[in-house]
Amino acid sequence: MLVDHHYFSKIRQGVIGVVSGLLLSACSSLNGDVAGLGIANVQTSSVSNLQAIEPASKRASAMTELVSRVIERKPTAKPATRSLVAYRPVSNVATSSPWCDYLKEDAAAETTILKAPTVSAQINDSGRKSATVAYDLVNVARAHLIEEGARVKCQRYKANSALNRVVVVAPNKLTRAGFKQKARSIARNRSRMRSIKAQVRRQLSIGNLDRNQSTVLLLAVDQIIVDGAKASSEAAKRQGLVAFDLQDAAEMAQQLVKAEKDLAEINSNIRSADAVSVNLEGGWRDGLMQNGLTVQKDSLFGGVKVSVKLGAFNPSRKRHEEAALAAKLRAHRLEPGSVFWKISQLISAHKRARSGLAMSRSQLVSARANVGRLRASLPANDPAYLAKRFKMEIEGIKLDAEASAVSASIRQLDWNLRKLTLLTPNS
C-alpha cells in the first residue's frame, strides 16, 4: 500500500523549510565535509573551485532560492544574474512544416517520460520486499525547457530556410524584371513590326526591294518576336525563384539570431536543471525479522532526497556559455557555406552584375543614338536606301527592348541590394 495523499502534502509543506535550513547550514561551512548537507546522495563537481567563488552566505542564499523555486514550481522575476532553473518563454511558433512537427513530437515523447513518476520494487537475498514511488520535481522544469526548446528550434529552422531561399536569387545576366520588361517592350511594338513586314512585302511587290533583301528584313522582324517569347518564358521560369519577398529577409535574419540566443539560454537552464534533483519518495516494505522474531511490522515510508552539483555555481561556466554563443554567431556570419556567408557572396554577385549591366546600358544607349542618327541621314525618297531604312528601324526596336530590359534589371538589383544589406546581423 502506498503512502496516502495527506502524507505527501505534509512532506511538501515542510520540505522547503527543512531543505533550506540544511543547505544554509552546509554552505556556511563548505570547508567541511559536503556530507554535512544532511541530505542523501549529494553530488559535487568541484568543491574546491566553489569555495573561491562567493561568500558562504551568498552561496547559501542562492542554493536555498534554487531548491525552493524548484519545489514550489512558481515563476519568479528574473534576477540580475542568470537563473539556474527558470526559463525565458519565447513566442509560440506554429508547426506548419514536417520538420517542426518532428521537433514537437520528439520533444513530447521525451517530456512524457520526464513528467511521469518512477516506480521501483526490490527483494533481497533474505526475502525482504519493498516498493517505492518517486517523483523528481525538477523534471517538470526540464520538460518545460525541452518543449520550449522544440518551439525555438522550429523558429530557427523556418528563419534559416527562408534565408536559404534568398540565396537562389543570384542574378545571371538579365533578372526576371529585365526579361519581363523586354517581353513587354517587344509586345508594345507588335503592331509596328506588323506594319514593317507589310511595307516590306509591298516594296517587294513593286520592285523597290529584291527577294534577298526582303527575306533578311522579314527574318529580322521574326527574330525580335521570337526573342520576346523567350524573354517571357525566362521571366516565367524565374517566378518561383523570387517568390520569397526580400522585404521579409531582414526580419528572418533577426529571428535566426534571436533563436540561437534563446536556444543558448534554454540549454543553459537545462544544464542547471540537470544539476539539481529534488525527489519525493514513498513506498512500502515488509516486516523486518531478526532471530526469528519480527522487530518491525509491515510499514509505509516516505522521504525527500535532494542533490545539487555545485559546479553549476562556478562562474567559469557562464563564461564558457557566452563564448560558445559568440562563436556560433560568428560561424553563421563567417564560415564558408553558412547562410550569412552565402548572402555576402550574393551581395558581391549583385554588385558585379550591376556593374556589367550598367556598362551594357551605356553601350546600348550609344548604339541606339547612332542608329537614330544614321536613319535620319538616309535619303527619305531614294529606293536604293529603302532596305537600310527598314533595317535601322528594326534595329531601333531591338535596341529599345534590350535597353529597357537592362534598365529594369538594374532597378531590381538596386532594390535587392538595399534589402540584402540589411541581412548581416549586428550581434
Protein backbone atom coordinates (compact mmCIF):
# COMPACT_ATOMS: atom_id res chain seq x y z
CA MET A 1 0.00 0.00 0.00
CA LEU A 2 1.32 3.41 -0.93
CA VAL A 3 1.51 6.36 1.39
CA ASP A 4 -1.64 8.45 1.19
CA HIS A 5 -2.00 11.88 -0.36
CA HIS A 6 -2.19 13.61 3.02
CA TYR A 7 1.22 12.27 3.95
CA PHE A 8 2.80 13.65 0.76
CA SER A 9 1.11 17.01 1.33
CA LYS A 10 2.73 17.29 4.73
CA ILE A 11 6.12 16.40 3.26
CA ARG A 12 5.68 19.06 0.55
CA GLN A 13 4.77 21.77 3.05
CA GLY A 14 7.71 21.09 5.29
CA VAL A 15 10.41 20.21 2.81
CA ILE A 16 11.19 23.82 1.78
CA GLY A 17 11.98 24.90 5.29
CA VAL A 18 13.91 21.75 6.16
CA VAL A 19 15.99 21.67 2.97
CA SER A 20 16.64 25.42 3.04
CA GLY A 21 17.91 25.22 6.59
CA LEU A 22 20.12 22.26 5.80
CA LEU A 23 21.60 23.91 2.71
CA LEU A 24 22.15 27.18 4.57
CA SER A 25 23.96 25.38 7.35
CA ALA A 26 26.06 23.28 4.98
CA CYS A 27 27.03 26.12 2.66
CA SER A 28 28.20 28.25 5.59
CA SER A 29 30.87 25.63 6.27
CA LEU A 30 31.91 24.41 2.83
CA ASN A 31 35.43 23.77 4.12
CA GLY A 32 33.97 20.78 5.93
CA ASP A 33 32.61 17.55 4.55
CA VAL A 34 29.94 18.01 1.84
CA ALA A 35 28.01 15.28 3.61
CA GLY A 36 27.25 17.93 6.20
CA LEU A 37 24.36 18.97 4.00
CA GLY A 38 22.46 16.26 5.82
CA ILE A 39 20.87 15.13 2.58
CA ALA A 40 21.37 11.75 1.00
CA ASN A 41 23.11 11.39 -2.35
CA VAL A 42 24.61 14.88 -2.61
CA GLN A 43 26.68 15.08 -5.81
CA THR A 44 29.56 17.52 -6.11
CA SER A 45 31.52 18.55 -9.17
CA SER A 46 34.19 20.89 -7.80
CA VAL A 47 34.03 21.87 -4.15
CA SER A 48 37.48 23.42 -4.21
CA ASN A 49 36.51 25.75 -7.05
CA LEU A 50 33.24 26.67 -5.39
CA GLN A 51 35.00 27.84 -2.21
CA ALA A 52 36.64 30.69 -4.12
CA ILE A 53 33.52 31.93 -5.86
CA GLU A 54 31.43 33.91 -3.38
CA PRO A 55 30.96 34.40 0.35
CA ALA A 56 29.22 31.47 2.04
CA SER A 57 26.11 33.48 2.84
CA LYS A 58 25.55 34.37 -0.79
CA ARG A 59 26.08 30.78 -1.90
CA ALA A 60 23.67 29.51 0.69
CA SER A 61 21.09 32.07 -0.31
CA ALA A 62 21.36 31.16 -3.98
CA MET A 63 21.08 27.42 -3.35
CA THR A 64 18.16 27.88 -0.97
CA GLU A 65 16.31 30.01 -3.51
CA LEU A 66 17.05 27.50 -6.25
CA VAL A 67 15.68 24.48 -4.35
CA SER A 68 12.67 26.45 -3.07
CA ARG A 69 11.71 27.56 -6.57
CA VAL A 70 12.08 24.05 -7.97
CA ILE A 71 9.83 22.59 -5.26
CA GLU A 72 7.23 25.34 -5.48
CA ARG A 73 7.38 25.37 -9.33
CA LYS A 74 6.32 29.01 -9.41
CA PRO A 75 7.83 31.53 -11.86
CA THR A 76 9.77 34.35 -10.28
CA ALA A 77 11.15 37.61 -11.58
CA LYS A 78 14.45 37.16 -13.37
CA PRO A 79 17.33 38.19 -11.08
CA ALA A 80 20.33 40.24 -12.11
CA THR A 81 22.36 37.04 -12.68
CA ARG A 82 21.21 34.16 -14.84
CA SER A 83 18.55 31.99 -13.20
CA LEU A 84 19.53 28.35 -12.76
CA VAL A 85 16.21 26.66 -13.48
CA ALA A 86 13.84 29.38 -14.67
CA TYR A 87 13.46 29.68 -18.42
CA ARG A 88 12.57 32.66 -20.54
CA PRO A 89 9.46 31.99 -22.64
CA VAL A 90 9.61 32.70 -26.35
CA SER A 91 6.85 33.26 -28.86
CA ASN A 92 4.93 30.15 -29.82
CA VAL A 93 5.67 29.22 -33.43
CA ALA A 94 3.08 27.30 -35.40
CA THR A 95 4.40 23.92 -36.52
CA SER A 96 3.37 24.19 -40.17
CA SER A 97 6.27 22.18 -41.58
CA PRO A 98 7.15 18.47 -41.34
CA TRP A 99 10.42 19.28 -39.59
CA CYS A 100 8.64 21.39 -36.96
CA ASP A 101 6.16 18.54 -36.49
CA TYR A 102 9.11 16.21 -35.90
CA LEU A 103 10.65 18.55 -33.33
CA LYS A 104 7.35 18.92 -31.50
CA GLU A 105 6.57 15.19 -31.36
CA ASP A 106 10.13 14.20 -30.47
CA ALA A 107 10.10 16.65 -27.54
CA ALA A 108 6.67 15.37 -26.47
CA ALA A 109 7.97 11.79 -26.40
CA GLU A 110 10.84 12.81 -24.12
CA THR A 111 8.76 15.00 -21.80
CA THR A 112 6.12 12.28 -21.39
CA ILE A 113 8.78 10.21 -19.64
CA LEU A 114 10.09 13.13 -17.58
CA LYS A 115 6.65 14.06 -16.25
CA ALA A 116 5.84 10.55 -15.03
CA PRO A 117 6.82 9.20 -11.59
CA THR A 118 9.35 6.39 -11.13
CA VAL A 119 8.15 3.06 -9.69
CA SER A 120 10.61 0.51 -8.35
CA ALA A 121 10.42 -2.80 -6.49
CA GLN A 122 13.11 -4.77 -4.65
CA ILE A 123 13.64 -8.12 -2.97
CA ASN A 124 16.90 -9.02 -1.23
CA ASP A 125 18.54 -12.38 -0.52
CA SER A 126 16.70 -12.72 2.76
CA GLY A 127 13.37 -12.41 1.01
CA ARG A 128 12.54 -8.96 2.29
CA LYS A 129 10.44 -7.00 -0.22
CA SER A 130 9.89 -3.27 -0.81
CA ALA A 131 8.19 -0.99 -3.34
CA THR A 132 8.82 2.70 -3.97
CA VAL A 133 7.20 5.52 -5.93
CA ALA A 134 9.45 8.57 -6.55
CA TYR A 135 8.82 11.86 -8.30
CA ASP A 136 11.54 14.37 -9.26
CA LEU A 137 10.10 17.88 -9.13
CA VAL A 138 12.93 19.28 -11.25
CA ASN A 139 11.86 17.00 -14.11
CA VAL A 140 8.86 19.28 -14.59
CA ALA A 141 11.22 22.20 -15.23
CA ARG A 142 13.26 20.02 -17.58
CA ALA A 143 10.13 19.06 -19.52
CA HIS A 144 9.05 22.69 -19.96
CA LEU A 145 12.55 23.63 -21.15
CA ILE A 146 12.63 20.79 -23.69
CA GLU A 147 9.21 21.78 -25.07
CA GLU A 148 10.28 25.43 -25.27
CA GLY A 149 13.50 24.36 -26.99
CA ALA A 150 11.49 22.49 -29.66
CA ARG A 151 9.46 25.63 -30.41
CA VAL A 152 12.60 27.77 -30.69
CA LYS A 153 14.29 25.18 -32.92
CA CYS A 154 11.24 25.34 -35.19
CA GLN A 155 11.58 29.13 -35.33
CA ARG A 156 15.29 28.81 -36.14
CA TYR A 157 14.56 26.25 -38.88
CA LYS A 158 11.96 28.49 -40.53
CA ALA A 159 14.22 31.53 -40.45
CA ASN A 160 17.17 29.53 -41.79
CA SER A 161 15.05 28.02 -44.59
CA ALA A 162 13.72 31.44 -45.59
CA LEU A 163 17.21 32.89 -45.76
CA ASN A 164 18.41 29.95 -47.84
CA ARG A 165 15.70 30.77 -50.37
CA VAL A 166 17.17 34.25 -50.74
CA VAL A 167 20.42 32.77 -51.99
CA VAL A 168 18.83 31.43 -55.19
CA VAL A 169 18.02 34.96 -56.38
CA ALA A 170 21.56 35.40 -57.71
CA PRO A 171 21.49 37.36 -60.98
CA ASN A 172 22.51 35.77 -64.26
CA LYS A 173 22.70 38.48 -66.94
CA LEU A 174 19.14 39.84 -67.02
CA THR A 175 16.97 39.46 -63.94
CA ARG A 176 13.33 38.36 -64.01
CA ALA A 177 12.29 42.01 -64.10
CA GLY A 178 14.63 42.54 -67.08
CA PHE A 179 13.22 39.63 -69.07
CA LYS A 180 9.70 40.72 -68.23
CA GLN A 181 10.37 44.27 -69.36
CA LYS A 182 11.99 43.05 -72.58
CA ALA A 183 8.91 40.96 -73.38
CA ARG A 184 6.66 43.95 -72.67
CA SER A 185 8.71 46.29 -74.86
CA ILE A 186 8.57 43.88 -77.80
CA ALA A 187 4.84 43.27 -77.25
CA ARG A 188 4.19 47.03 -77.35
CA ASN A 189 5.87 47.17 -80.80
CA ARG A 190 3.98 44.23 -82.32
CA SER A 191 1.71 46.44 -84.42
CA ARG A 192 4.73 48.46 -85.56
CA MET A 193 6.54 45.27 -86.59
CA ARG A 194 3.45 44.01 -88.45
CA SER A 195 3.39 47.32 -90.30
CA ILE A 196 7.08 46.96 -91.23
CA LYS A 197 6.50 43.44 -92.58
CA ALA A 198 3.54 44.67 -94.64
CA GLN A 199 5.60 47.54 -96.06
CA VAL A 200 8.50 45.20 -96.91
CA ARG A 201 6.17 42.86 -98.82
CA ARG A 202 4.59 45.80 -100.65
CA GLN A 203 8.02 47.21 -101.62
CA LEU A 204 8.99 43.72 -102.80
CA SER A 205 5.90 43.54 -104.99
CA ILE A 206 6.58 46.89 -106.68
CA GLY A 207 10.26 46.08 -107.22
CA ASN A 208 11.94 48.50 -104.78
CA LEU A 209 13.33 45.51 -102.80
CA ASP A 210 14.68 42.23 -104.15
CA ARG A 211 13.90 38.80 -102.74
CA ASN A 212 17.10 38.54 -100.67
CA GLN A 213 16.64 41.95 -99.08
CA SER A 214 13.03 41.33 -98.16
CA THR A 215 13.83 37.88 -96.72
CA VAL A 216 16.59 39.30 -94.48
CA LEU A 217 14.29 42.07 -93.23
CA LEU A 218 11.35 39.74 -92.55
CA LEU A 219 13.61 37.30 -90.69
CA ALA A 220 14.98 40.15 -88.55
CA VAL A 221 11.45 41.12 -87.53
CA ASP A 222 10.51 37.49 -86.78
CA GLN A 223 13.67 37.10 -84.67
CA ILE A 224 12.62 40.02 -82.46
CA ILE A 225 9.21 38.38 -81.96
CA VAL A 226 10.94 35.10 -81.02
CA ASP A 227 13.20 36.97 -78.60
CA GLY A 228 10.10 38.43 -76.93
CA ALA A 229 8.61 34.95 -76.47
CA LYS A 230 11.90 33.68 -75.00
CA ALA A 231 12.09 36.64 -72.62
CA SER A 232 8.53 35.95 -71.44
CA SER A 233 9.45 32.30 -70.86
CA GLU A 234 12.61 33.22 -68.92
CA ALA A 235 10.61 35.59 -66.73
CA ALA A 236 8.07 32.84 -66.02
CA LYS A 237 10.84 30.34 -65.14
CA ARG A 238 12.28 32.78 -62.61
CA GLN A 239 8.91 33.37 -60.96
CA GLY A 240 9.42 30.59 -58.41
CA LEU A 241 12.98 31.66 -57.63
CA VAL A 242 11.94 35.06 -56.37
CA ALA A 243 8.65 34.13 -54.76
CA PHE A 244 10.18 34.88 -51.37
CA ASP A 245 9.93 38.58 -50.66
CA LEU A 246 13.31 40.03 -49.74
CA GLN A 247 11.47 42.63 -47.73
CA ASP A 248 10.94 39.95 -45.06
CA ALA A 249 14.54 38.72 -45.19
CA ALA A 250 15.89 41.18 -42.62
CA GLU A 251 13.26 40.04 -40.13
CA MET A 252 14.21 36.42 -40.83
CA ALA A 253 17.86 37.21 -40.13
CA GLN A 254 16.94 38.80 -36.81
CA GLN A 255 14.75 35.80 -35.93
CA LEU A 256 17.60 33.40 -36.67
CA VAL A 257 19.99 35.25 -34.38
CA LYS A 258 17.32 35.57 -31.67
CA ALA A 259 16.53 31.85 -31.90
CA GLU A 260 20.20 30.98 -31.42
CA LYS A 261 20.36 33.21 -28.33
CA ASP A 262 17.13 31.75 -26.92
CA LEU A 263 18.37 28.20 -27.50
CA ALA A 264 21.64 29.02 -25.77
CA GLU A 265 19.73 30.22 -22.71
CA ILE A 266 17.39 27.23 -22.73
CA ASN A 267 20.35 24.83 -22.96
CA SER A 268 21.99 26.66 -20.07
CA ASN A 269 18.85 26.27 -17.98
CA ILE A 270 18.63 22.57 -18.86
CA ARG A 271 22.19 22.15 -17.58
CA SER A 272 21.16 23.90 -14.40
CA ALA A 273 18.13 21.66 -14.02
CA ASP A 274 20.38 18.62 -14.54
CA ALA A 275 22.50 19.88 -11.64
CA VAL A 276 19.58 19.73 -9.20
CA SER A 277 17.41 16.82 -8.10
CA VAL A 278 14.50 17.05 -5.62
CA ASN A 279 12.90 13.61 -5.21
CA LEU A 280 9.75 12.90 -3.20
CA GLU A 281 9.67 9.19 -2.32
CA GLY A 282 7.06 6.98 -0.73
CA GLY A 283 6.64 3.23 -0.53
CA TRP A 284 6.11 0.03 1.40
CA ARG A 285 8.44 -2.54 2.92
CA ASP A 286 7.59 -5.82 4.62
CA GLY A 287 8.41 -6.69 8.20
CA LEU A 288 11.97 -6.99 9.41
CA MET A 289 12.86 -10.32 11.02
CA GLN A 290 15.79 -10.86 13.38
CA ASN A 291 16.50 -14.22 15.05
CA GLY A 292 13.08 -15.42 14.03
CA LEU A 293 11.31 -12.51 15.68
CA THR A 294 9.51 -9.62 13.95
CA VAL A 295 11.24 -6.41 15.00
CA GLN A 296 9.45 -4.20 12.52
CA LYS A 297 5.99 -4.79 11.14
CA ASP A 298 4.90 -4.15 7.55
CA SER A 299 5.20 -0.40 7.15
CA LEU A 300 4.88 2.56 4.85
CA PHE A 301 7.67 5.07 4.46
CA GLY A 302 8.26 8.44 2.78
CA GLY A 303 11.01 10.98 2.42
CA VAL A 304 12.72 13.61 0.33
CA LYS A 305 16.11 13.37 -1.34
CA VAL A 306 17.93 16.44 -2.67
CA SER A 307 21.16 16.52 -4.66
CA VAL A 308 22.99 19.53 -6.10
CA LYS A 309 26.02 19.58 -8.39
CA LEU A 310 27.97 22.53 -7.07
CA GLY A 311 29.74 23.13 -10.37
CA ALA A 312 26.56 24.80 -11.58
CA PHE A 313 27.58 27.83 -9.49
CA ASN A 314 31.07 28.10 -10.96
CA PRO A 315 31.40 31.49 -12.77
CA SER A 316 33.62 29.91 -15.46
CA ARG A 317 30.55 28.03 -16.65
CA LYS A 318 28.82 31.26 -17.67
CA ARG A 319 31.95 32.49 -19.44
CA HIS A 320 32.13 29.26 -21.46
CA GLU A 321 28.44 29.50 -22.39
CA GLU A 322 28.80 33.12 -23.55
CA ALA A 323 31.93 32.26 -25.54
CA ALA A 324 30.12 29.32 -27.18
CA LEU A 325 27.20 31.54 -28.24
CA ALA A 326 29.53 34.21 -29.64
CA ALA A 327 31.44 31.57 -31.61
CA LYS A 328 28.20 30.14 -33.03
CA LEU A 329 27.04 33.57 -34.21
CA ARG A 330 30.46 34.20 -35.78
CA ALA A 331 30.17 30.87 -37.58
CA HIS A 332 26.82 31.97 -39.05
CA ARG A 333 28.48 35.07 -40.46
CA LEU A 334 31.92 33.87 -41.49
CA GLU A 335 32.03 30.10 -42.09
CA PRO A 336 32.01 29.21 -45.82
CA GLY A 337 28.67 27.67 -46.69
CA SER A 338 26.75 29.31 -43.85
CA VAL A 339 23.62 31.32 -44.63
CA PHE A 340 25.07 34.75 -43.99
CA TRP A 341 28.28 33.85 -45.83
CA LYS A 342 26.16 32.87 -48.86
CA ILE A 343 24.29 36.15 -48.61
CA SER A 344 27.56 38.09 -48.59
CA GLN A 345 28.56 36.23 -51.76
CA LEU A 346 25.16 37.05 -53.21
CA ILE A 347 25.69 40.75 -52.48
CA SER A 348 29.05 40.62 -54.27
CA ALA A 349 27.42 38.85 -57.25
CA HIS A 350 24.71 41.50 -57.39
CA LYS A 351 27.31 44.26 -57.43
CA ARG A 352 29.31 42.59 -60.19
CA ALA A 353 26.16 42.00 -62.24
CA ARG A 354 25.05 45.59 -61.78
CA SER A 355 28.42 46.90 -62.91
CA GLY A 356 28.26 44.78 -66.07
CA LEU A 357 24.66 45.77 -66.78
CA ALA A 358 25.45 49.46 -66.31
CA MET A 359 28.20 49.15 -68.90
CA SER A 360 25.83 47.32 -71.27
CA ARG A 361 23.19 50.01 -70.83
CA SER A 362 25.71 52.70 -71.71
CA GLN A 363 26.67 50.82 -74.86
CA LEU A 364 23.03 50.22 -75.83
CA VAL A 365 22.14 53.89 -75.36
CA SER A 366 25.11 54.89 -77.53
CA ALA A 367 24.22 52.31 -80.20
CA ARG A 368 20.56 53.44 -80.23
CA ALA A 369 21.63 57.05 -80.69
CA ASN A 370 23.90 56.04 -83.59
CA VAL A 371 21.06 54.10 -85.25
CA GLY A 372 18.79 57.11 -84.94
CA ARG A 373 21.37 59.45 -86.45
CA LEU A 374 22.15 57.02 -89.29
CA ARG A 375 18.47 56.52 -90.14
CA ALA A 376 17.89 60.29 -90.15
CA SER A 377 20.83 60.77 -92.52
CA LEU A 378 19.44 58.38 -95.16
CA PRO A 379 17.58 59.95 -98.12
CA ALA A 380 13.87 59.61 -97.50
CA ASN A 381 12.73 59.03 -101.09
CA ASP A 382 15.69 57.15 -102.56
CA PRO A 383 14.70 53.48 -103.20
CA ALA A 384 18.38 52.50 -103.06
CA TYR A 385 18.39 53.23 -99.31
CA LEU A 386 14.99 51.71 -98.61
CA ALA A 387 16.42 48.42 -97.25
CA LYS A 388 18.79 50.30 -94.93
CA ARG A 389 15.95 52.44 -93.58
CA PHE A 390 13.91 49.34 -92.79
CA LYS A 391 16.98 47.72 -91.20
CA MET A 392 17.64 50.76 -89.00
CA GLU A 393 14.00 50.85 -87.88
CA ILE A 394 14.06 47.15 -86.95
CA GLU A 395 17.39 47.58 -85.17
CA GLY A 396 15.94 50.50 -83.19
CA ILE A 397 13.07 48.31 -81.92
CA LYS A 398 15.56 45.63 -80.88
CA LEU A 399 17.85 48.09 -79.09
CA ASP A 400 14.93 49.74 -77.32
CA ALA A 401 13.84 46.34 -75.96
CA GLU A 402 17.38 45.48 -74.83
CA ALA A 403 17.88 48.85 -73.15
CA SER A 404 14.52 48.57 -71.34
CA ALA A 405 15.45 45.07 -70.13
CA VAL A 406 18.83 46.19 -68.81
CA SER A 407 17.36 49.21 -67.04
CA ALA A 408 14.70 47.06 -65.38
CA SER A 409 17.37 44.57 -64.29
CA ILE A 410 19.47 47.33 -62.75
CA ARG A 411 16.44 48.64 -60.86
CA GLN A 412 15.72 45.17 -59.48
CA LEU A 413 19.35 44.66 -58.48
CA ASP A 414 19.38 48.01 -56.69
CA TRP A 415 16.22 47.03 -54.83
CA ASN A 416 17.70 43.63 -53.92
CA LEU A 417 20.93 45.20 -52.70
CA ARG A 418 19.05 47.57 -50.40
CA LYS A 419 17.32 44.59 -48.82
CA LEU A 420 20.31 42.24 -48.78
CA THR A 421 22.48 44.75 -46.93
CA LEU A 422 20.01 44.51 -44.03
CA LEU A 423 20.62 40.78 -43.62
CA THR A 424 24.01 40.85 -41.91
CA PRO A 425 23.34 40.58 -38.16
CA ASN A 426 24.92 43.21 -35.97
CA SER A 427 25.36 40.97 -32.97
